[in-house]
């Protein structure tokens, strides 16, 4: 449990999230510049890259926090894991949670979490688009 105030914890998340969001935006711009507009419309390369890089970074961070961190581990988790990587890609959090379920031998829950995350996420987006299109 963190000995820091909820305000300080929230500020760490906000700072990391702002940095992560800007990095994600710049990654998209960079991928468009590098690959060209036609290529990035074929497949969302920037999102794919953000998900892969963010998941790798989350694994490195989780491993470091578990085996190497000292007293400020919680604040590092909030700043880098929840904030920066959360702003960069939420897929990294999904990946970490999936691995934790699998490592605990909770295969049914891992499968359920994966299926529900995909199905609910896609369904919710479709509902949101349908609702907003009804106002157009």
C-alpha atoms as a PDB file:
ATOM      1  CA  UNK A   1       0.000   0.000   0.000  1.00  0.00           C
ATOM      2  CA  UNK A   2       1.263   3.420  -0.915  1.00  0.00           C
ATOM      3  CA  UNK A   3       2.362   5.814   1.819  1.00  0.00           C
ATOM      4  CA  UNK A   4       1.868   8.708  -0.597  1.00  0.00           C
ATOM      5  CA  UNK A   5      -1.242  10.821  -0.698  1.00  0.00           C
ATOM      6  CA  UNK A   6      -3.935  10.086  -3.279  1.00  0.00           C
ATOM      7  CA  UNK A   7      -3.251  13.543  -4.748  1.00  0.00           C
ATOM      8  CA  UNK A   8       0.441  12.776  -5.312  1.00  0.00           C
ATOM      9  CA  UNK A   9      -0.456   9.375  -6.736  1.00  0.00           C
ATOM     10  CA  UNK A  10      -2.968  10.995  -9.092  1.00  0.00           C
ATOM     11  CA  UNK A  11      -0.412  13.590 -10.178  1.00  0.00           C
ATOM     12  CA  UNK A  12       2.045  10.809 -11.027  1.00  0.00           C
ATOM     13  CA  UNK A  13      -0.601   9.061 -13.140  1.00  0.00           C
ATOM     14  CA  UNK A  14      -1.550  12.351 -14.838  1.00  0.00           C
ATOM     15  CA  UNK A  15       2.057  13.280 -15.630  1.00  0.00           C
ATOM     16  CA  UNK A  16       2.849   9.829 -16.982  1.00  0.00           C
ATOM     17  CA  UNK A  17      -0.419   9.728 -18.925  1.00  0.00           C
ATOM     18  CA  UNK A  18       0.270  13.082 -20.562  1.00  0.00           C
ATOM     19  CA  UNK A  19       3.736  11.966 -21.628  1.00  0.00           C
ATOM     20  CA  UNK A  20       2.415   8.618 -22.886  1.00  0.00           C
ATOM     21  CA  UNK A  21      -0.365  10.246 -24.887  1.00  0.00           C
ATOM     22  CA  UNK A  22       2.073  12.639 -26.573  1.00  0.00           C
ATOM     23  CA  UNK A  23       4.436   9.751 -27.352  1.00  0.00           C
ATOM     24  CA  UNK A  24       1.547   7.792 -28.863  1.00  0.00           C
ATOM     25  CA  UNK A  25       0.514  10.762 -30.995  1.00  0.00           C
ATOM     26  CA  UNK A  26       4.091  11.301 -32.175  1.00  0.00           C
ATOM     27  CA  UNK A  27       4.453   7.595 -32.964  1.00  0.00           C
ATOM     28  CA  UNK A  28       1.421   7.866 -35.248  1.00  0.00           C
ATOM     29  CA  UNK A  29       2.851  10.921 -36.963  1.00  0.00           C
ATOM     30  CA  UNK A  30       6.247   9.279 -37.323  1.00  0.00           C
ATOM     31  CA  UNK A  31       4.812   6.069 -38.757  1.00  0.00           C
ATOM     32  CA  UNK A  32       2.781   8.070 -41.290  1.00  0.00           C
ATOM     33  CA  UNK A  33       5.871  10.032 -42.310  1.00  0.00           C
ATOM     34  CA  UNK A  34       8.012   6.869 -42.495  1.00  0.00           C
ATOM     35  CA  UNK A  35       5.574   4.512 -44.236  1.00  0.00           C
ATOM     36  CA  UNK A  36       3.492   7.043 -46.123  1.00  0.00           C
ATOM     37  CA  UNK A  37      -0.246   7.763 -45.918  1.00  0.00           C
ATOM     38  CA  UNK A  38      -1.239   4.928 -48.264  1.00  0.00           C
ATOM     39  CA  UNK A  39       0.567   2.263 -46.217  1.00  0.00           C
ATOM     40  CA  UNK A  40      -0.864   3.386 -42.875  1.00  0.00           C
ATOM     41  CA  UNK A  41      -4.393   3.144 -44.249  1.00  0.00           C
ATOM     42  CA  UNK A  42      -3.854  -0.539 -45.120  1.00  0.00           C
ATOM     43  CA  UNK A  43      -3.154  -1.544 -41.516  1.00  0.00           C
ATOM     44  CA  UNK A  44      -3.035   0.551 -38.331  1.00  0.00           C
ATOM     45  CA  UNK A  45       0.753   0.202 -38.030  1.00  0.00           C
ATOM     46  CA  UNK A  46       1.118   2.841 -35.316  1.00  0.00           C
ATOM     47  CA  UNK A  47      -1.433   1.135 -33.075  1.00  0.00           C
ATOM     48  CA  UNK A  48       0.225  -2.220 -33.695  1.00  0.00           C
ATOM     49  CA  UNK A  49       3.626  -0.724 -32.856  1.00  0.00           C
ATOM     50  CA  UNK A  50       2.272   1.020 -29.734  1.00  0.00           C
ATOM     51  CA  UNK A  51       0.678  -2.215 -28.528  1.00  0.00           C
ATOM     52  CA  UNK A  52       3.864  -4.244 -29.095  1.00  0.00           C
ATOM     53  CA  UNK A  53       6.248  -1.648 -27.651  1.00  0.00           C
ATOM     54  CA  UNK A  54       3.907  -0.876 -24.760  1.00  0.00           C
ATOM     55  CA  UNK A  55       3.518  -4.550 -23.908  1.00  0.00           C
ATOM     56  CA  UNK A  56       7.301  -5.071 -24.005  1.00  0.00           C
ATOM     57  CA  UNK A  57       7.778  -2.020 -21.797  1.00  0.00           C
ATOM     58  CA  UNK A  58       5.093  -3.242 -19.381  1.00  0.00           C
ATOM     59  CA  UNK A  59       6.840  -6.599 -19.118  1.00  0.00           C
ATOM     60  CA  UNK A  60      10.181  -4.932 -18.453  1.00  0.00           C
ATOM     61  CA  UNK A  61       8.614  -2.609 -15.875  1.00  0.00           C
ATOM     62  CA  UNK A  62       6.669  -5.372 -14.117  1.00  0.00           C
ATOM     63  CA  UNK A  63       9.787  -7.544 -13.964  1.00  0.00           C
ATOM     64  CA  UNK A  64      11.911  -4.705 -12.681  1.00  0.00           C
ATOM     65  CA  UNK A  65       9.346  -3.714 -10.062  1.00  0.00           C
ATOM     66  CA  UNK A  66       8.963  -7.315  -8.919  1.00  0.00           C
ATOM     67  CA  UNK A  67      12.657  -8.143  -8.645  1.00  0.00           C
ATOM     68  CA  UNK A  68      14.722  -4.968  -8.484  1.00  0.00           C
ATOM     69  CA  UNK A  69      12.749  -2.020  -7.146  1.00  0.00           C
ATOM     70  CA  UNK A  70      13.109  -0.597  -3.688  1.00  0.00           C
ATOM     71  CA  UNK A  71      10.922   1.782  -1.691  1.00  0.00           C
ATOM     72  CA  UNK A  72       9.456   3.880  -4.519  1.00  0.00           C
ATOM     73  CA  UNK A  73       8.109   0.955  -6.535  1.00  0.00           C
ATOM     74  CA  UNK A  74       4.487   1.991  -6.150  1.00  0.00           C
ATOM     75  CA  UNK A  75       5.110   5.511  -7.395  1.00  0.00           C
ATOM     76  CA  UNK A  76       7.123   4.138 -10.327  1.00  0.00           C
ATOM     77  CA  UNK A  77       4.246   1.771 -11.117  1.00  0.00           C
ATOM     78  CA  UNK A  78       1.792   4.670 -11.059  1.00  0.00           C
ATOM     79  CA  UNK A  79       3.981   7.036 -13.090  1.00  0.00           C
ATOM     80  CA  UNK A  80       5.274   4.567 -15.679  1.00  0.00           C
ATOM     81  CA  UNK A  81       2.817   1.660 -15.717  1.00  0.00           C
ATOM     82  CA  UNK A  82      -0.563   3.241 -15.101  1.00  0.00           C
ATOM     83  CA  UNK A  83       0.326   6.700 -16.420  1.00  0.00           C
ATOM     84  CA  UNK A  84       2.907   6.589 -19.196  1.00  0.00           C
ATOM     85  CA  UNK A  85       2.088   3.152 -20.590  1.00  0.00           C
ATOM     86  CA  UNK A  86      -1.630   3.672 -19.965  1.00  0.00           C
ATOM     87  CA  UNK A  87      -1.464   6.872 -22.002  1.00  0.00           C
ATOM     88  CA  UNK A  88       0.653   5.192 -24.662  1.00  0.00           C
ATOM     89  CA  UNK A  89      -1.414   2.013 -24.951  1.00  0.00           C
ATOM     90  CA  UNK A  90      -3.968   0.301 -22.739  1.00  0.00           C
ATOM     91  CA  UNK A  91      -3.104  -2.949 -24.478  1.00  0.00           C
ATOM     92  CA  UNK A  92      -0.005  -3.175 -22.287  1.00  0.00           C
ATOM     93  CA  UNK A  93      -2.214  -3.359 -19.179  1.00  0.00           C
ATOM     94  CA  UNK A  94      -4.408  -5.975 -20.864  1.00  0.00           C
ATOM     95  CA  UNK A  95      -1.303  -7.999 -21.758  1.00  0.00           C
ATOM     96  CA  UNK A  96       0.020  -7.851 -18.200  1.00  0.00           C
ATOM     97  CA  UNK A  97      -3.324  -8.880 -16.717  1.00  0.00           C
ATOM     98  CA  UNK A  98      -3.600 -11.784 -19.172  1.00  0.00           C
ATOM     99  CA  UNK A  99      -0.123 -13.057 -18.296  1.00  0.00           C
ATOM    100  CA  UNK A 100      -0.841 -12.784 -14.569  1.00  0.00           C
ATOM    101  CA  UNK A 101      -4.018 -14.854 -14.981  1.00  0.00           C
ATOM    102  CA  UNK A 102      -2.140 -17.441 -17.035  1.00  0.00           C
ATOM    103  CA  UNK A 103       0.772 -17.594 -14.585  1.00  0.00           C
ATOM    104  CA  UNK A 104      -1.689 -18.186 -11.731  1.00  0.00           C
ATOM    105  CA  UNK A 105      -3.128 -21.101 -13.697  1.00  0.00           C
ATOM    106  CA  UNK A 106      -6.470 -19.340 -14.141  1.00  0.00           C
ATOM    107  CA  UNK A 107      -6.803 -20.369 -17.784  1.00  0.00           C
ATOM    108  CA  UNK A 108     -10.591 -20.233 -17.852  1.00  0.00           C
ATOM    109  CA  UNK A 109     -10.604 -16.706 -16.456  1.00  0.00           C
ATOM    110  CA  UNK A 110      -7.849 -15.703 -18.904  1.00  0.00           C
ATOM    111  CA  UNK A 111      -9.897 -17.000 -21.835  1.00  0.00           C
ATOM    112  CA  UNK A 112     -13.043 -15.359 -20.473  1.00  0.00           C
ATOM    113  CA  UNK A 113     -11.203 -12.055 -19.972  1.00  0.00           C
ATOM    114  CA  UNK A 114      -9.816 -12.146 -23.524  1.00  0.00           C
ATOM    115  CA  UNK A 115     -13.172 -13.000 -25.093  1.00  0.00           C
ATOM    116  CA  UNK A 116     -15.106 -10.475 -23.018  1.00  0.00           C
ATOM    117  CA  UNK A 117     -12.534  -7.719 -23.599  1.00  0.00           C
ATOM    118  CA  UNK A 118     -12.724  -8.197 -27.344  1.00  0.00           C
ATOM    119  CA  UNK A 119     -16.473  -8.758 -27.580  1.00  0.00           C
ATOM    120  CA  UNK A 120     -17.488  -6.001 -25.161  1.00  0.00           C
ATOM    121  CA  UNK A 121     -14.975  -3.529 -26.569  1.00  0.00           C
ATOM    122  CA  UNK A 122     -16.081  -4.033 -30.173  1.00  0.00           C
ATOM    123  CA  UNK A 123     -19.773  -4.158 -29.219  1.00  0.00           C
ATOM    124  CA  UNK A 124     -19.563  -1.018 -27.101  1.00  0.00           C
ATOM    125  CA  UNK A 125     -17.812   0.849 -29.892  1.00  0.00           C
ATOM    126  CA  UNK A 126     -20.476  -0.257 -32.372  1.00  0.00           C
ATOM    127  CA  UNK A 127     -23.247   0.870 -30.006  1.00  0.00           C
ATOM    128  CA  UNK A 128     -21.544   4.234 -29.521  1.00  0.00           C
ATOM    129  CA  UNK A 129     -21.164   4.732 -33.264  1.00  0.00           C
ATOM    130  CA  UNK A 130     -24.787   3.684 -33.891  1.00  0.00           C
ATOM    131  CA  UNK A 131     -26.085   6.090 -31.258  1.00  0.00           C
ATOM    132  CA  UNK A 132     -24.055   8.983 -32.597  1.00  0.00           C
ATOM    133  CA  UNK A 133     -24.924   8.197 -36.212  1.00  0.00           C
ATOM    134  CA  UNK A 134     -28.609   8.345 -35.282  1.00  0.00           C
ATOM    135  CA  UNK A 135     -28.107  12.038 -34.484  1.00  0.00           C
ATOM    136  CA  UNK A 136     -26.423  12.768 -37.819  1.00  0.00           C
END
